[in-house]
Amino acid sequence: MSGIVLSASVRQNLLSLQSTADLLATTQSRLSTGKSVNSALDNPTNFFTAQSLDNRASDINNLLDGIANGVQVLQAANTGITSLQKLIDSAKSIANQALQTTVGYSTKSNV
């Protein structure tokens, strides 16, 4: 079996096509991920900066979730306190009504 013989111009065109295919794959990877730097090999400084910012954003999102949970707890506590105030007002009203009504006792009848 003999090997494939390529002329210099065909070989140059083949290398150019391979380079274009590699660049196309890189561009498609960047477009699909939305990141201009996907690995530390692309640009170490930008990659680690982006990774640090992603970690910071994740930490801030966790804090935001905690704050949202705290707000919900405070809203539930406020609802409970409001209900207790209404219950106390109702009890006061009933107690005032009980004080204002006269209880009439009739005289003892002779048995």
Protein backbone atom coordinates (compact mmCIF):
# COMPACT_ATOMS: atom_id res chain seq x y z
CA MET A 1 0.00 0.00 0.00
CA SER A 2 1.23 3.40 -0.83
CA GLY A 3 0.58 6.56 1.16
CA ILE A 4 -1.46 9.47 -0.07
CA VAL A 5 0.65 11.96 -1.92
CA LEU A 6 -0.42 15.60 -1.59
CA SER A 7 0.97 18.55 -3.41
CA ALA A 8 2.11 21.55 -1.40
CA SER A 9 -0.93 23.64 -2.34
CA VAL A 10 -3.39 20.84 -1.44
CA ARG A 11 -1.58 20.28 1.85
CA GLN A 12 -1.74 24.02 2.63
CA ASN A 13 -5.47 24.08 1.81
CA LEU A 14 -6.06 21.07 4.06
CA LEU A 15 -4.21 22.71 6.96
CA SER A 16 -6.18 25.89 6.39
CA LEU A 17 -9.47 23.96 6.47
CA GLN A 18 -8.44 22.19 9.69
CA SER A 19 -7.56 25.53 11.28
CA THR A 20 -10.90 26.97 10.16
CA ALA A 21 -12.73 23.95 11.61
CA ASP A 22 -10.93 24.43 14.95
CA LEU A 23 -11.83 28.12 15.03
CA LEU A 24 -15.44 27.28 14.16
CA ALA A 25 -15.59 24.76 17.02
CA THR A 26 -14.20 27.36 19.43
CA THR A 27 -16.72 29.95 18.25
CA GLN A 28 -19.62 27.51 18.57
CA SER A 29 -18.49 26.60 22.08
CA ARG A 30 -18.37 30.27 23.06
CA LEU A 31 -21.80 30.93 21.56
CA SER A 32 -23.40 27.90 23.21
CA THR A 33 -22.04 28.67 26.68
CA GLY A 34 -22.21 32.45 26.48
CA LYS A 35 -18.65 32.63 27.78
CA SER A 36 -15.77 34.11 25.85
CA VAL A 37 -13.30 32.13 27.97
CA ASN A 38 -14.29 28.52 28.65
CA SER A 39 -11.08 27.17 30.16
CA ALA A 40 -7.89 28.35 31.77
CA LEU A 41 -6.09 27.49 28.54
CA ASP A 42 -7.97 30.21 26.62
CA ASN A 43 -6.97 33.08 28.90
CA PRO A 44 -5.94 32.23 32.48
CA THR A 45 -6.40 35.72 33.90
CA ASN A 46 -9.89 36.20 32.50
CA PHE A 47 -10.89 32.61 33.32
CA PHE A 48 -9.99 32.86 37.01
CA THR A 49 -11.49 36.35 37.27
CA ALA A 50 -14.74 35.04 35.79
CA GLN A 51 -14.66 32.03 38.10
CA SER A 52 -14.18 34.30 41.11
CA LEU A 53 -17.07 36.51 40.00
CA ASP A 54 -19.30 33.46 39.48
CA ASN A 55 -18.50 32.29 43.02
CA ARG A 56 -19.25 35.75 44.39
CA ALA A 57 -22.56 35.88 42.51
CA SER A 58 -23.47 32.48 43.93
CA ASP A 59 -22.68 33.68 47.47
CA ILE A 60 -24.79 36.80 46.96
CA ASN A 61 -27.69 34.70 45.65
CA ASN A 62 -27.45 32.52 48.76
CA LEU A 63 -27.57 35.63 50.94
CA LEU A 64 -30.55 36.90 48.98
CA ASP A 65 -32.37 33.61 49.59
CA GLY A 66 -31.64 33.90 53.31
CA ILE A 67 -32.94 37.47 53.38
CA ALA A 68 -36.10 36.40 51.53
CA ASN A 69 -36.65 33.64 54.10
CA GLY A 70 -36.15 36.16 56.91
CA VAL A 71 -38.71 38.51 55.34
CA GLN A 72 -41.23 35.67 55.13
CA VAL A 73 -40.64 34.81 58.80
CA LEU A 74 -41.17 38.45 59.79
CA GLN A 75 -44.36 38.64 57.73
CA ALA A 76 -45.67 35.49 59.40
CA ALA A 77 -44.78 36.89 62.82
CA ASN A 78 -46.53 40.16 61.97
CA THR A 79 -49.65 38.25 60.93
CA GLY A 80 -49.56 36.30 64.19
CA ILE A 81 -49.14 39.45 66.29
CA THR A 82 -51.99 41.16 64.44
CA SER A 83 -54.23 38.15 65.09
CA LEU A 84 -53.29 38.18 68.77
CA GLN A 85 -54.09 41.90 68.99
CA LYS A 86 -57.52 41.26 67.46
CA LEU A 87 -58.08 38.41 69.91
CA ILE A 88 -57.12 40.65 72.85
CA ASP A 89 -59.42 43.43 71.59
CA SER A 90 -62.23 40.90 71.29
CA ALA A 91 -61.58 39.65 74.84
CA LYS A 92 -61.57 43.25 76.14
CA SER A 93 -64.87 43.90 74.40
CA ILE A 94 -66.43 40.80 75.91
CA ALA A 95 -65.09 41.72 79.36
CA ASN A 96 -66.49 45.27 79.07
CA GLN A 97 -69.86 43.92 78.00
CA ALA A 98 -69.85 41.56 80.96
CA LEU A 99 -69.11 44.45 83.33
CA GLN A 100 -71.87 46.62 81.88
CA THR A 101 -74.66 44.08 82.01
CA THR A 102 -76.53 43.97 85.28
CA VAL A 103 -77.22 40.63 86.68
CA GLY A 104 -80.62 40.73 88.27
CA TYR A 105 -81.25 38.38 91.15
CA SER A 106 -84.77 37.97 92.19
CA THR A 107 -85.63 37.72 95.81
CA LYS A 108 -85.82 34.32 97.23
CA SER A 109 -89.24 32.93 97.10
CA ASN A 110 -90.59 31.07 100.04
CA VAL A 111 -90.69 27.45 99.41
